[in-house]
PDB file of N, CA and C in Angstrom:
ATOM      1  N   UNK A   1     100.820  90.673  94.696  1.00  0.00           N
ATOM      2  CA  UNK A   1     102.207  90.470  94.323  1.00  0.00           C
ATOM      3  C   UNK A   1     103.041  90.241  95.575  1.00  0.00           C
ATOM      4  N   UNK A   2     104.042  89.434  95.436  1.00  0.00           N
ATOM      5  CA  UNK A   2     104.955  89.165  96.538  1.00  0.00           C
ATOM      6  C   UNK A   2     106.013  90.259  96.613  1.00  0.00           C
ATOM      7  N   UNK A   3     106.664  90.339  97.760  1.00  0.00           N
ATOM      8  CA  UNK A   3     107.718  91.327  97.951  1.00  0.00           C
ATOM      9  C   UNK A   3     108.818  91.216  96.916  1.00  0.00           C
ATOM     10  N   UNK A   4     109.151  89.988  96.546  1.00  0.00           N
ATOM     11  CA  UNK A   4     110.192  89.765  95.532  1.00  0.00           C
ATOM     12  C   UNK A   4     109.773  90.343  94.184  1.00  0.00           C
ATOM     13  N   UNK A   5     108.490  90.211  93.864  1.00  0.00           N
ATOM     14  CA  UNK A   5     107.978  90.749  92.593  1.00  0.00           C
ATOM     15  C   UNK A   5     108.060  92.269  92.573  1.00  0.00           C
ATOM     16  N   UNK A   6     107.745  92.889  93.711  1.00  0.00           N
ATOM     17  CA  UNK A   6     107.824  94.348  93.788  1.00  0.00           C
ATOM     18  C   UNK A   6     109.264  94.816  93.620  1.00  0.00           C
ATOM     19  N   UNK A   7     110.209  94.103  94.251  1.00  0.00           N
ATOM     20  CA  UNK A   7     111.623  94.470  94.141  1.00  0.00           C
ATOM     21  C   UNK A   7     112.092  94.346  92.692  1.00  0.00           C
ATOM     22  N   UNK A   8     111.673  93.287  92.024  1.00  0.00           N
ATOM     23  CA  UNK A   8     112.043  93.102  90.624  1.00  0.00           C
ATOM     24  C   UNK A   8     111.456  94.221  89.762  1.00  0.00           C
ATOM     25  N   UNK A   9     110.198  94.570  90.017  1.00  0.00           N
ATOM     26  CA  UNK A   9     109.568  95.653  89.271  1.00  0.00           C
ATOM     27  C   UNK A   9     110.310  96.965  89.532  1.00  0.00           C
ATOM     28  N   UNK A  10     110.685  97.186  90.775  1.00  0.00           N
ATOM     29  CA  UNK A  10     111.416  98.404  91.120  1.00  0.00           C
ATOM     30  C   UNK A  10     112.724  98.484  90.334  1.00  0.00           C
ATOM     31  N   UNK A  11     113.459  97.385  90.273  1.00  0.00           N
ATOM     32  CA  UNK A  11     114.725  97.370  89.530  1.00  0.00           C
ATOM     33  C   UNK A  11     114.495  97.610  88.040  1.00  0.00           C
ATOM     34  N   UNK A  12     113.464  97.007  87.492  1.00  0.00           N
ATOM     35  CA  UNK A  12     113.164  97.208  86.074  1.00  0.00           C
ATOM     36  C   UNK A  12     112.800  98.659  85.777  1.00  0.00           C
ATOM     37  N   UNK A  13     111.992  99.261  86.646  1.00  0.00           N
ATOM     38  CA  UNK A  13     111.613 100.663  86.449  1.00  0.00           C
ATOM     39  C   UNK A  13     112.849 101.553  86.559  1.00  0.00           C
ATOM     40  N   UNK A  14     113.680 101.298  87.560  1.00  0.00           N
ATOM     41  CA  UNK A  14     114.896 102.100  87.712  1.00  0.00           C
ATOM     42  C   UNK A  14     115.814 101.955  86.501  1.00  0.00           C
ATOM     43  N   UNK A  15     115.940 100.740  85.999  1.00  0.00           N
ATOM     44  CA  UNK A  15     116.813 100.495  84.846  1.00  0.00           C
ATOM     45  C   UNK A  15     116.315 101.179  83.581  1.00  0.00           C
ATOM     46  N   UNK A  16     115.008 101.265  83.423  1.00  0.00           N
ATOM     47  CA  UNK A  16     114.461 101.807  82.182  1.00  0.00           C
ATOM     48  C   UNK A  16     113.976 103.243  82.298  1.00  0.00           C
ATOM     49  N   UNK A  17     113.852 103.758  83.518  1.00  0.00           N
ATOM     50  CA  UNK A  17     113.261 105.082  83.699  1.00  0.00           C
ATOM     51  C   UNK A  17     114.141 105.985  84.569  1.00  0.00           C
ATOM     52  N   UNK A  18     115.424 105.998  84.274  1.00  0.00           N
ATOM     53  CA  UNK A  18     116.345 106.959  84.882  1.00  0.00           C
ATOM     54  C   UNK A  18     116.292 106.952  86.407  1.00  0.00           C
ATOM     55  N   UNK A  19     116.286 105.762  87.002  1.00  0.00           N
ATOM     56  CA  UNK A  19     116.290 105.600  88.470  1.00  0.00           C
ATOM     57  C   UNK A  19     115.126 106.303  89.156  1.00  0.00           C
ATOM     58  N   UNK A  20     113.954 106.192  88.578  1.00  0.00           N
ATOM     59  CA  UNK A  20     112.765 106.853  89.110  1.00  0.00           C
ATOM     60  C   UNK A  20     112.504 106.495  90.575  1.00  0.00           C
ATOM     61  N   UNK A  21     112.516 105.214  90.897  1.00  0.00           N
ATOM     62  CA  UNK A  21     112.150 104.794  92.259  1.00  0.00           C
ATOM     63  C   UNK A  21     113.207 105.253  93.254  1.00  0.00           C
ATOM     64  N   UNK A  22     114.464 105.144  92.889  1.00  0.00           N
ATOM     65  CA  UNK A  22     115.544 105.620  93.759  1.00  0.00           C
ATOM     66  C   UNK A  22     115.394 107.106  94.054  1.00  0.00           C
ATOM     67  N   UNK A  23     115.139 107.884  93.024  1.00  0.00           N
ATOM     68  CA  UNK A  23     114.967 109.323  93.190  1.00  0.00           C
ATOM     69  C   UNK A  23     113.736 109.630  94.040  1.00  0.00           C
ATOM     70  N   UNK A  24     112.665 108.879  93.811  1.00  0.00           N
ATOM     71  CA  UNK A  24     111.437 109.062  94.585  1.00  0.00           C
ATOM     72  C   UNK A  24     111.703 108.825  96.067  1.00  0.00           C
ATOM     73  N   UNK A  25     112.388 107.738  96.374  1.00  0.00           N
ATOM     74  CA  UNK A  25     112.694 107.409  97.775  1.00  0.00           C
ATOM     75  C   UNK A  25     113.610 108.458  98.413  1.00  0.00           C
ATOM     76  N   UNK A  26     114.558 108.973  97.665  1.00  0.00           N
ATOM     77  CA  UNK A  26     115.482 109.977  98.199  1.00  0.00           C
ATOM     78  C   UNK A  26     114.792 111.317  98.420  1.00  0.00           C
ATOM     79  N   UNK A  27     113.965 111.707  97.466  1.00  0.00           N
ATOM     80  CA  UNK A  27     113.324 113.015  97.533  1.00  0.00           C
ATOM     81  C   UNK A  27     112.176 113.056  98.538  1.00  0.00           C
ATOM     82  N   UNK A  28     111.485 111.924  98.712  1.00  0.00           N
ATOM     83  CA  UNK A  28     110.324 111.856  99.604  1.00  0.00           C
ATOM     84  C   UNK A  28     110.519 110.716 100.599  1.00  0.00           C
ATOM     85  N   UNK A  29     111.382 110.942 101.559  1.00  0.00           N
ATOM     86  CA  UNK A  29     111.760 109.901 102.519  1.00  0.00           C
ATOM     87  C   UNK A  29     110.600 109.434 103.399  1.00  0.00           C
ATOM     88  N   UNK A  30     109.566 110.231 103.525  1.00  0.00           N
ATOM     89  CA  UNK A  30     108.436 109.880 104.377  1.00  0.00           C
ATOM     90  C   UNK A  30     107.426 108.935 103.733  1.00  0.00           C
ATOM     91  N   UNK A  31     107.620 108.591 102.469  1.00  0.00           N
ATOM     92  CA  UNK A  31     106.662 107.703 101.797  1.00  0.00           C
ATOM     93  C   UNK A  31     106.744 106.292 102.353  1.00  0.00           C
ATOM     94  N   UNK A  32     105.590 105.708 102.584  1.00  0.00           N
ATOM     95  CA  UNK A  32     105.529 104.312 103.007  1.00  0.00           C
ATOM     96  C   UNK A  32     105.758 103.421 101.788  1.00  0.00           C
ATOM     97  N   UNK A  33     106.088 102.181 102.040  1.00  0.00           N
ATOM     98  CA  UNK A  33     106.342 101.235 100.949  1.00  0.00           C
ATOM     99  C   UNK A  33     105.132 101.124 100.024  1.00  0.00           C
ATOM    100  N   UNK A  34     103.950 101.121 100.602  1.00  0.00           N
ATOM    101  CA  UNK A  34     102.722 101.042  99.811  1.00  0.00           C
ATOM    102  C   UNK A  34     102.561 102.272  98.910  1.00  0.00           C
ATOM    103  N   UNK A  35     102.994 103.432  99.402  1.00  0.00           N
ATOM    104  CA  UNK A  35     102.943 104.656  98.603  1.00  0.00           C
ATOM    105  C   UNK A  35     103.894 104.562  97.410  1.00  0.00           C
ATOM    106  N   UNK A  36     105.089 104.059  97.658  1.00  0.00           N
ATOM    107  CA  UNK A  36     106.072 103.897  96.581  1.00  0.00           C
ATOM    108  C   UNK A  36     105.531 102.943  95.520  1.00  0.00           C
ATOM    109  N   UNK A  37     104.896 101.881  95.964  1.00  0.00           N
ATOM    110  CA  UNK A  37     104.329 100.909  95.015  1.00  0.00           C
ATOM    111  C   UNK A  37     103.224 101.535  94.181  1.00  0.00           C
ATOM    112  N   UNK A  38     102.387 102.334  94.819  1.00  0.00           N
ATOM    113  CA  UNK A  38     101.338 103.029  94.078  1.00  0.00           C
ATOM    114  C   UNK A  38     101.960 103.972  93.050  1.00  0.00           C
ATOM    115  N   UNK A  39     103.002 104.682  93.443  1.00  0.00           N
ATOM    116  CA  UNK A  39     103.684 105.581  92.514  1.00  0.00           C
ATOM    117  C   UNK A  39     104.268 104.822  91.328  1.00  0.00           C
ATOM    118  N   UNK A  40     104.822 103.640  91.588  1.00  0.00           N
ATOM    119  CA  UNK A  40     105.375 102.842  90.492  1.00  0.00           C
ATOM    120  C   UNK A  40     104.284 102.476  89.496  1.00  0.00           C
ATOM    121  N   UNK A  41     103.132 102.067  89.987  1.00  0.00           N
ATOM    122  CA  UNK A  41     102.040 101.676  89.092  1.00  0.00           C
ATOM    123  C   UNK A  41     101.492 102.877  88.324  1.00  0.00           C
ATOM    124  N   UNK A  42     101.426 104.023  88.989  1.00  0.00           N
ATOM    125  CA  UNK A  42     100.981 105.242  88.306  1.00  0.00           C
ATOM    126  C   UNK A  42     101.997 105.627  87.235  1.00  0.00           C
ATOM    127  N   UNK A  43     103.277 105.509  87.557  1.00  0.00           N
ATOM    128  CA  UNK A  43     104.336 105.840  86.597  1.00  0.00           C
ATOM    129  C   UNK A  43     104.246 104.951  85.353  1.00  0.00           C
ATOM    130  N   UNK A  44     103.784 103.717  85.554  1.00  0.00           N
ATOM    131  CA  UNK A  44     103.599 102.783  84.432  1.00  0.00           C
ATOM    132  C   UNK A  44     102.286 103.032  83.698  1.00  0.00           C
ATOM    133  N   UNK A  45     101.577 104.088  84.110  1.00  0.00           N
ATOM    134  CA  UNK A  45     100.318 104.510  83.490  1.00  0.00           C
ATOM    135  C   UNK A  45      99.219 103.451  83.567  1.00  0.00           C
ATOM    136  N   UNK A  46      99.186 102.756  84.689  1.00  0.00           N
ATOM    137  CA  UNK A  46      98.132 101.768  84.911  1.00  0.00           C
ATOM    138  C   UNK A  46      96.852 102.485  85.329  1.00  0.00           C
ATOM    139  N   UNK A  47      95.741 101.955  84.892  1.00  0.00           N
ATOM    140  CA  UNK A  47      94.442 102.534  85.220  1.00  0.00           C
ATOM    141  C   UNK A  47      94.078 102.225  86.673  1.00  0.00           C
ATOM    142  N   UNK A  48      93.094 102.957  87.172  1.00  0.00           N
ATOM    143  CA  UNK A  48      92.614 102.691  88.532  1.00  0.00           C
ATOM    144  C   UNK A  48      92.096 101.267  88.662  1.00  0.00           C
ATOM    145  N   UNK A  49      91.477 100.754  87.623  1.00  0.00           N
ATOM    146  CA  UNK A  49      90.944  99.387  87.661  1.00  0.00           C
ATOM    147  C   UNK A  49      92.075  98.367  87.817  1.00  0.00           C
ATOM    148  N   UNK A  50      93.154  98.552  87.088  1.00  0.00           N
ATOM    149  CA  UNK A  50      94.283  97.628  87.181  1.00  0.00           C
ATOM    150  C   UNK A  50      94.953  97.749  88.552  1.00  0.00           C
ATOM    151  N   UNK A  51      95.140  98.979  89.006  1.00  0.00           N
ATOM    152  CA  UNK A  51      95.743  99.193  90.329  1.00  0.00           C
ATOM    153  C   UNK A  51      94.883  98.550  91.413  1.00  0.00           C
ATOM    154  N   UNK A  52      93.582  98.681  91.280  1.00  0.00           N
ATOM    155  CA  UNK A  52      92.663  98.065  92.250  1.00  0.00           C
ATOM    156  C   UNK A  52      92.853  96.552  92.284  1.00  0.00           C
ATOM    157  N   UNK A  53      93.021  95.943  91.128  1.00  0.00           N
ATOM    158  CA  UNK A  53      93.243  94.491  91.068  1.00  0.00           C
ATOM    159  C   UNK A  53      94.566  94.097  91.709  1.00  0.00           C
ATOM    160  N   UNK A  54      95.589  94.888  91.506  1.00  0.00           N
ATOM    161  CA  UNK A  54      96.902  94.585  92.082  1.00  0.00           C
ATOM    162  C   UNK A  54      96.849  94.629  93.606  1.00  0.00           C
ATOM    163  N   UNK A  55      96.162  95.640  94.156  1.00  0.00           N
ATOM    164  CA  UNK A  55      96.085  95.804  95.607  1.00  0.00           C
ATOM    165  C   UNK A  55      94.887  95.099  96.242  1.00  0.00           C
ATOM    166  N   UNK A  56      94.061  94.470  95.418  1.00  0.00           N
ATOM    167  CA  UNK A  56      92.858  93.778  95.917  1.00  0.00           C
ATOM    168  C   UNK A  56      91.930  94.723  96.672  1.00  0.00           C
ATOM    169  N   UNK A  57      91.695  95.891  96.064  1.00  0.00           N
ATOM    170  CA  UNK A  57      90.782  96.882  96.642  1.00  0.00           C
ATOM    171  C   UNK A  57      89.875  97.403  95.534  1.00  0.00           C
ATOM    172  N   UNK A  58      88.892  98.193  95.886  1.00  0.00           N
ATOM    173  CA  UNK A  58      87.998  98.777  94.892  1.00  0.00           C
ATOM    174  C   UNK A  58      88.611 100.008  94.237  1.00  0.00           C
ATOM    175  N   UNK A  59      88.060 100.383  93.088  1.00  0.00           N
ATOM    176  CA  UNK A  59      88.556 101.557  92.368  1.00  0.00           C
ATOM    177  C   UNK A  59      88.395 102.829  93.194  1.00  0.00           C
ATOM    178  N   UNK A  60      87.314 102.914  93.957  1.00  0.00           N
ATOM    179  CA  UNK A  60      87.119 104.107  94.786  1.00  0.00           C
ATOM    180  C   UNK A  60      88.212 104.210  95.848  1.00  0.00           C
ATOM    181  N   UNK A  61      88.665 103.069  96.355  1.00  0.00           N
ATOM    182  CA  UNK A  61      89.759 103.077  97.331  1.00  0.00           C
ATOM    183  C   UNK A  61      91.062 103.532  96.682  1.00  0.00           C
ATOM    184  N   UNK A  62      91.272 103.186  95.425  1.00  0.00           N
ATOM    185  CA  UNK A  62      92.460 103.645  94.696  1.00  0.00           C
ATOM    186  C   UNK A  62      92.413 105.162  94.560  1.00  0.00           C
ATOM    187  N   UNK A  63      91.261 105.689  94.176  1.00  0.00           N
ATOM    188  CA  UNK A  63      91.121 107.144  94.034  1.00  0.00           C
ATOM    189  C   UNK A  63      91.404 107.841  95.357  1.00  0.00           C
ATOM    190  N   UNK A  64      90.912 107.273  96.442  1.00  0.00           N
ATOM    191  CA  UNK A  64      91.126 107.852  97.775  1.00  0.00           C
ATOM    192  C   UNK A  64      92.608 107.819  98.127  1.00  0.00           C
ATOM    193  N   UNK A  65      93.268 106.687  97.874  1.00  0.00           N
ATOM    194  CA  UNK A  65      94.700 106.576  98.174  1.00  0.00           C
ATOM    195  C   UNK A  65      95.510 107.590  97.375  1.00  0.00           C
ATOM    196  N   UNK A  66      95.151 107.761  96.112  1.00  0.00           N
ATOM    197  CA  UNK A  66      95.853 108.731  95.270  1.00  0.00           C
ATOM    198  C   UNK A  66      95.687 110.140  95.829  1.00  0.00           C
ATOM    199  N   UNK A  67      94.476 110.462  96.234  1.00  0.00           N
ATOM    200  CA  UNK A  67      94.197 111.786  96.782  1.00  0.00           C
ATOM    201  C   UNK A  67      94.985 112.028  98.063  1.00  0.00           C
ATOM    202  N   UNK A  68      94.981 111.056  98.943  1.00  0.00           N
ATOM    203  CA  UNK A  68      95.703 111.184 100.211  1.00  0.00           C
ATOM    204  C   UNK A  68      97.205 111.293  99.956  1.00  0.00           C
ATOM    205  N   UNK A  69      97.721 110.487  99.054  1.00  0.00           N
ATOM    206  CA  UNK A  69      99.145 110.517  98.741  1.00  0.00           C
ATOM    207  C   UNK A  69      99.548 111.878  98.178  1.00  0.00           C
ATOM    208  N   UNK A  70      98.735 112.405  97.295  1.00  0.00           N
ATOM    209  CA  UNK A  70      99.023 113.716  96.707  1.00  0.00           C
ATOM    210  C   UNK A  70      99.094 114.791  97.793  1.00  0.00           C
ATOM    211  N   UNK A  71      98.147 114.741  98.730  1.00  0.00           N
ATOM    212  CA  UNK A  71      98.072 115.773  99.767  1.00  0.00           C
ATOM    213  C   UNK A  71      99.104 115.579 100.868  1.00  0.00           C
ATOM    214  N   UNK A  72      99.284 114.352 101.339  1.00  0.00           N
ATOM    215  CA  UNK A  72     100.178 114.126 102.474  1.00  0.00           C
ATOM    216  C   UNK A  72     101.598 113.788 102.039  1.00  0.00           C
ATOM    217  N   UNK A  73     101.746 112.932 101.050  1.00  0.00           N
ATOM    218  CA  UNK A  73     103.080 112.520 100.626  1.00  0.00           C
ATOM    219  C   UNK A  73     103.809 113.574  99.825  1.00  0.00           C
ATOM    220  N   UNK A  74     103.079 114.222  98.922  1.00  0.00           N
ATOM    221  CA  UNK A  74     103.692 115.228  98.055  1.00  0.00           C
ATOM    222  C   UNK A  74     103.309 116.656  98.452  1.00  0.00           C
ATOM    223  N   UNK A  75     102.404 116.784  99.398  1.00  0.00           N
ATOM    224  CA  UNK A  75     101.963 118.071  99.945  1.00  0.00           C
ATOM    225  C   UNK A  75     101.478 119.040  98.862  1.00  0.00           C
ATOM    226  N   UNK A  76     100.658 118.510  97.961  1.00  0.00           N
ATOM    227  CA  UNK A  76     100.067 119.327  96.899  1.00  0.00           C
ATOM    228  C   UNK A  76      98.563 119.379  97.136  1.00  0.00           C
ATOM    229  N   UNK A  77      98.044 120.577  97.276  1.00  0.00           N
ATOM    230  CA  UNK A  77      96.619 120.742  97.565  1.00  0.00           C
ATOM    231  C   UNK A  77      95.839 121.310  96.387  1.00  0.00           C
ATOM    232  N   UNK A  78      96.510 121.660  95.316  1.00  0.00           N
ATOM    233  CA  UNK A  78      95.847 122.224  94.137  1.00  0.00           C
ATOM    234  C   UNK A  78      94.970 121.148  93.488  1.00  0.00           C
ATOM    235  N   UNK A  79      93.650 121.360  93.441  1.00  0.00           N
ATOM    236  CA  UNK A  79      92.756 120.347  92.870  1.00  0.00           C
ATOM    237  C   UNK A  79      92.926 120.183  91.354  1.00  0.00           C
ATOM    238  N   UNK A  80      93.602 121.124  90.712  1.00  0.00           N
ATOM    239  CA  UNK A  80      93.811 121.042  89.263  1.00  0.00           C
ATOM    240  C   UNK A  80      95.017 120.200  88.878  1.00  0.00           C
ATOM    241  N   UNK A  81      95.790 119.766  89.874  1.00  0.00           N
ATOM    242  CA  UNK A  81      96.967 118.938  89.622  1.00  0.00           C
ATOM    243  C   UNK A  81      96.667 117.526  90.105  1.00  0.00           C
ATOM    244  N   UNK A  82      96.825 116.559  89.212  1.00  0.00           N
ATOM    245  CA  UNK A  82      96.562 115.165  89.566  1.00  0.00           C
ATOM    246  C   UNK A  82      97.845 114.493  90.051  1.00  0.00           C
ATOM    247  N   UNK A  83      97.686 113.387  90.741  1.00  0.00           N
ATOM    248  CA  UNK A  83      98.841 112.602  91.175  1.00  0.00           C
ATOM    249  C   UNK A  83      99.645 112.154  89.972  1.00  0.00           C
ATOM    250  N   UNK A  84      98.957 111.812  88.894  1.00  0.00           N
ATOM    251  CA  UNK A  84      99.632 111.396  87.665  1.00  0.00           C
ATOM    252  C   UNK A  84     100.568 112.495  87.158  1.00  0.00           C
ATOM    253  N   UNK A  85     100.110 113.734  87.208  1.00  0.00           N
ATOM    254  CA  UNK A  85     100.935 114.860  86.768  1.00  0.00           C
ATOM    255  C   UNK A  85     102.148 115.037  87.686  1.00  0.00           C
ATOM    256  N   UNK A  86     101.926 114.895  88.969  1.00  0.00           N
ATOM    257  CA  UNK A  86     103.024 115.034  89.935  1.00  0.00           C
ATOM    258  C   UNK A  86     104.098 113.989  89.644  1.00  0.00           C
ATOM    259  N   UNK A  87     103.675 112.741  89.488  1.00  0.00           N
ATOM    260  CA  UNK A  87     104.616 111.644  89.269  1.00  0.00           C
ATOM    261  C   UNK A  87     105.294 111.769  87.908  1.00  0.00           C
ATOM    262  N   UNK A  88     104.567 112.198  86.918  1.00  0.00           N
ATOM    263  CA  UNK A  88     105.144 112.370  85.587  1.00  0.00           C
ATOM    264  C   UNK A  88     106.265 113.412  85.596  1.00  0.00           C
ATOM    265  N   UNK A  89     106.147 114.404  86.456  1.00  0.00           N
ATOM    266  CA  UNK A  89     107.128 115.486  86.509  1.00  0.00           C
ATOM    267  C   UNK A  89     108.318 115.210  87.428  1.00  0.00           C
ATOM    268  N   UNK A  90     108.343 114.053  88.071  1.00  0.00           N
ATOM    269  CA  UNK A  90     109.476 113.737  88.961  1.00  0.00           C
ATOM    270  C   UNK A  90     110.692 113.350  88.140  1.00  0.00           C
TER     271      UNK A  90
END
């Protein structure tokens, strides 16, 4: 996806989901742009396979990115809490 497409998706998500992306950026200022994009796709309940296609990576790489984001971006180490749960509760 091009940068313009991501911006459009961000606006659509914010318009329909109570400013999710804006709140995410404000609450977690240390997130990289790629992290925010991953969060947007997770918020849209996309599967690892679909996310892998969007980023042109393998499903195992998506799982790794989710794990790293959960631990470093959101600082959650509990193995019983998934990134999906974290994002759903934002």
